[in-house]
Amino acid sequence: HKDSFSGVILDQLGFSRPESQNVNDFAEMGVTKERIPAMDGDILFYFTYETGDGEASKLEKEWINDPLFKSLNVAKQGKVYKVSDTIWNTAGGVLAAHLMLDDIEKYFLQQQ
């Protein structure tokens, strides 16, 4: 979501989204695999909110291994990064923002 904790920080850092993703409800609940092609970009950060029953992790693996996902340019270039749901989504606050910046720095340094 563009208006989420991580979305606001990425926007403030100057990250831009592809036009098709530049809306507040791009990552709405209940999205289907048919929307996978719209997820393409230069870099893809994602997190999985696990509730303890393993279902979210199972679904994550299913989506990451889907042929549509593997056909994304960002996936082919190896620029898909799993990040912590706690840091990027549920925590909020100054400490989480600093940890998020640490993640971003780490991933960009890997690209050099």
C-alpha atoms as a PDB file:
ATOM      1  CA  HIS A   1       0.000   0.000   0.000  1.00  0.00           C
ATOM      2  CA  LYS A   2       1.220   3.432  -0.898  1.00  0.00           C
ATOM      3  CA  ASP A   3      -0.280   4.902   2.286  1.00  0.00           C
ATOM      4  CA  SER A   4       1.244   2.288   4.623  1.00  0.00           C
ATOM      5  CA  PHE A   5       4.174   2.794   6.997  1.00  0.00           C
ATOM      6  CA  SER A   6       6.698   1.411   4.503  1.00  0.00           C
ATOM      7  CA  GLY A   7       4.952   3.028   1.526  1.00  0.00           C
ATOM      8  CA  VAL A   8       5.212   6.482   3.078  1.00  0.00           C
ATOM      9  CA  ILE A   9       8.892   5.996   3.940  1.00  0.00           C
ATOM     10  CA  LEU A  10       9.738   4.726   0.449  1.00  0.00           C
ATOM     11  CA  ASP A  11       7.909   7.714  -1.027  1.00  0.00           C
ATOM     12  CA  GLN A  12       9.789  10.125   1.249  1.00  0.00           C
ATOM     13  CA  LEU A  13      13.068   8.531   0.146  1.00  0.00           C
ATOM     14  CA  GLY A  14      12.165   9.273  -3.465  1.00  0.00           C
ATOM     15  CA  PHE A  15      11.284   5.776  -4.618  1.00  0.00           C
ATOM     16  CA  SER A  16       8.704   5.820  -7.367  1.00  0.00           C
ATOM     17  CA  ARG A  17       6.284   3.127  -8.420  1.00  0.00           C
ATOM     18  CA  PRO A  18       5.301   2.043 -11.900  1.00  0.00           C
ATOM     19  CA  GLU A  19       2.168   3.927 -12.940  1.00  0.00           C
ATOM     20  CA  SER A  20      -0.015   0.826 -12.602  1.00  0.00           C
ATOM     21  CA  GLN A  21       1.030   0.520  -8.937  1.00  0.00           C
ATOM     22  CA  ASN A  22       0.851   4.198  -8.046  1.00  0.00           C
ATOM     23  CA  VAL A  23      -2.493   3.907  -6.256  1.00  0.00           C
ATOM     24  CA  ASN A  24      -3.340   3.508  -2.576  1.00  0.00           C
ATOM     25  CA  ASP A  25      -5.120   0.169  -2.918  1.00  0.00           C
ATOM     26  CA  PHE A  26      -2.729  -1.651  -5.274  1.00  0.00           C
ATOM     27  CA  ALA A  27      -2.023  -4.418  -2.735  1.00  0.00           C
ATOM     28  CA  GLU A  28      -5.571  -4.913  -1.540  1.00  0.00           C
ATOM     29  CA  MET A  29      -6.621  -8.031   0.310  1.00  0.00           C
ATOM     30  CA  GLY A  30      -7.828 -10.921  -1.802  1.00  0.00           C
ATOM     31  CA  VAL A  31      -5.654 -10.130  -4.808  1.00  0.00           C
ATOM     32  CA  THR A  32      -5.448 -13.039  -7.254  1.00  0.00           C
ATOM     33  CA  LYS A  33      -2.505 -14.434  -9.205  1.00  0.00           C
ATOM     34  CA  GLU A  34      -3.855 -12.823 -12.360  1.00  0.00           C
ATOM     35  CA  ARG A  35      -2.520  -9.533 -10.928  1.00  0.00           C
ATOM     36  CA  ILE A  36       1.057 -10.843 -10.676  1.00  0.00           C
ATOM     37  CA  PRO A  37       2.191  -9.229 -13.970  1.00  0.00           C
ATOM     38  CA  ALA A  38       1.259  -5.813 -12.524  1.00  0.00           C
ATOM     39  CA  MET A  39       3.762  -6.392  -9.689  1.00  0.00           C
ATOM     40  CA  ASP A  40       6.789  -5.935 -11.936  1.00  0.00           C
ATOM     41  CA  GLY A  41       9.245  -3.137 -11.251  1.00  0.00           C
ATOM     42  CA  ASP A  42      12.948  -2.468 -10.794  1.00  0.00           C
ATOM     43  CA  ILE A  43      12.937  -3.824  -7.230  1.00  0.00           C
ATOM     44  CA  LEU A  44      10.299  -5.785  -5.333  1.00  0.00           C
ATOM     45  CA  PHE A  45      10.195  -5.795  -1.538  1.00  0.00           C
ATOM     46  CA  TYR A  46       7.629  -8.136   0.005  1.00  0.00           C
ATOM     47  CA  PHE A  47       6.696  -9.452   3.418  1.00  0.00           C
ATOM     48  CA  THR A  48       4.459 -12.202   4.670  1.00  0.00           C
ATOM     49  CA  TYR A  49       2.253 -11.791   7.726  1.00  0.00           C
ATOM     50  CA  GLU A  50       2.315 -15.183   9.409  1.00  0.00           C
ATOM     51  CA  THR A  51      -0.408 -15.870  11.975  1.00  0.00           C
ATOM     52  CA  GLY A  52       1.201 -19.011  13.371  1.00  0.00           C
ATOM     53  CA  ASP A  53      -0.532 -21.735  11.396  1.00  0.00           C
ATOM     54  CA  GLY A  54       1.982 -21.773   8.524  1.00  0.00           C
ATOM     55  CA  GLU A  55      -0.655 -20.928   5.915  1.00  0.00           C
ATOM     56  CA  ALA A  56       0.843 -17.543   4.986  1.00  0.00           C
ATOM     57  CA  SER A  57       4.300 -19.062   4.451  1.00  0.00           C
ATOM     58  CA  LYS A  58       2.753 -21.830   2.369  1.00  0.00           C
ATOM     59  CA  LEU A  59       0.915 -19.266   0.243  1.00  0.00           C
ATOM     60  CA  GLU A  60       4.095 -17.199  -0.102  1.00  0.00           C
ATOM     61  CA  LYS A  61       5.986 -20.189  -1.526  1.00  0.00           C
ATOM     62  CA  GLU A  62       3.117 -20.920  -3.892  1.00  0.00           C
ATOM     63  CA  TRP A  63       3.146 -17.362  -5.261  1.00  0.00           C
ATOM     64  CA  ILE A  64       6.956 -17.029  -5.452  1.00  0.00           C
ATOM     65  CA  ASN A  65       7.156 -20.310  -7.381  1.00  0.00           C
ATOM     66  CA  ASP A  66       4.274 -19.474  -9.721  1.00  0.00           C
ATOM     67  CA  PRO A  67       5.333 -19.251 -13.404  1.00  0.00           C
ATOM     68  CA  LEU A  68       3.745 -15.793 -13.654  1.00  0.00           C
ATOM     69  CA  PHE A  69       5.897 -14.560 -10.766  1.00  0.00           C
ATOM     70  CA  LYS A  70       9.038 -16.190 -12.146  1.00  0.00           C
ATOM     71  CA  SER A  71       8.397 -14.457 -15.477  1.00  0.00           C
ATOM     72  CA  LEU A  72       8.565 -10.983 -13.913  1.00  0.00           C
ATOM     73  CA  ASN A  73      11.651  -9.038 -15.002  1.00  0.00           C
ATOM     74  CA  VAL A  74      12.358  -8.186 -11.364  1.00  0.00           C
ATOM     75  CA  ALA A  75      12.400 -11.912 -10.507  1.00  0.00           C
ATOM     76  CA  LYS A  76      14.578 -12.782 -13.505  1.00  0.00           C
ATOM     77  CA  GLN A  77      17.053 -10.102 -12.400  1.00  0.00           C
ATOM     78  CA  GLY A  78      17.122 -11.425  -8.825  1.00  0.00           C
ATOM     79  CA  LYS A  79      15.826  -8.203  -7.297  1.00  0.00           C
ATOM     80  CA  VAL A  80      13.016  -9.675  -5.199  1.00  0.00           C
ATOM     81  CA  TYR A  81      13.686  -9.189  -1.496  1.00  0.00           C
ATOM     82  CA  LYS A  82      11.746 -10.623   1.411  1.00  0.00           C
ATOM     83  CA  VAL A  83      11.673  -8.171   4.296  1.00  0.00           C
ATOM     84  CA  SER A  84      10.375  -8.425   7.846  1.00  0.00           C
ATOM     85  CA  ASP A  85       6.646  -7.901   8.242  1.00  0.00           C
ATOM     86  CA  THR A  86       7.307  -6.638  11.757  1.00  0.00           C
ATOM     87  CA  ILE A  87       9.680  -3.916  10.574  1.00  0.00           C
ATOM     88  CA  TRP A  88       8.068  -2.992   7.260  1.00  0.00           C
ATOM     89  CA  ASN A  89       4.411  -3.348   8.193  1.00  0.00           C
ATOM     90  CA  THR A  90       3.240  -3.856  11.755  1.00  0.00           C
ATOM     91  CA  ALA A  91       5.712  -2.043  14.044  1.00  0.00           C
ATOM     92  CA  GLY A  92       5.828   1.570  12.876  1.00  0.00           C
ATOM     93  CA  GLY A  93       7.812   4.220  14.704  1.00  0.00           C
ATOM     94  CA  VAL A  94      11.329   5.591  14.573  1.00  0.00           C
ATOM     95  CA  LEU A  95      13.154   2.345  15.392  1.00  0.00           C
ATOM     96  CA  ALA A  96      11.293   0.426  12.679  1.00  0.00           C
ATOM     97  CA  ALA A  97      12.030   3.239  10.209  1.00  0.00           C
ATOM     98  CA  HIS A  98      15.755   2.993  10.984  1.00  0.00           C
ATOM     99  CA  LEU A  99      15.680  -0.797  10.617  1.00  0.00           C
ATOM    100  CA  MET A 100      13.853  -0.416   7.319  1.00  0.00           C
ATOM    101  CA  LEU A 101      16.544   2.001   6.118  1.00  0.00           C
ATOM    102  CA  ASP A 102      19.183  -0.550   7.147  1.00  0.00           C
ATOM    103  CA  ASP A 103      17.405  -3.156   4.997  1.00  0.00           C
ATOM    104  CA  ILE A 104      17.229  -0.823   2.010  1.00  0.00           C
ATOM    105  CA  GLU A 105      20.917   0.035   2.332  1.00  0.00           C
ATOM    106  CA  LYS A 106      21.823  -3.665   2.564  1.00  0.00           C
ATOM    107  CA  TYR A 107      19.901  -4.558  -0.596  1.00  0.00           C
ATOM    108  CA  PHE A 108      21.313  -1.655  -2.583  1.00  0.00           C
ATOM    109  CA  LEU A 109      24.871  -2.446  -1.509  1.00  0.00           C
ATOM    110  CA  GLN A 110      24.335  -6.041  -2.731  1.00  0.00           C
ATOM    111  CA  GLN A 111      23.564  -4.686  -6.195  1.00  0.00           C
ATOM    112  CA  GLN A 112      26.945  -2.979  -6.565  1.00  0.00           C
END
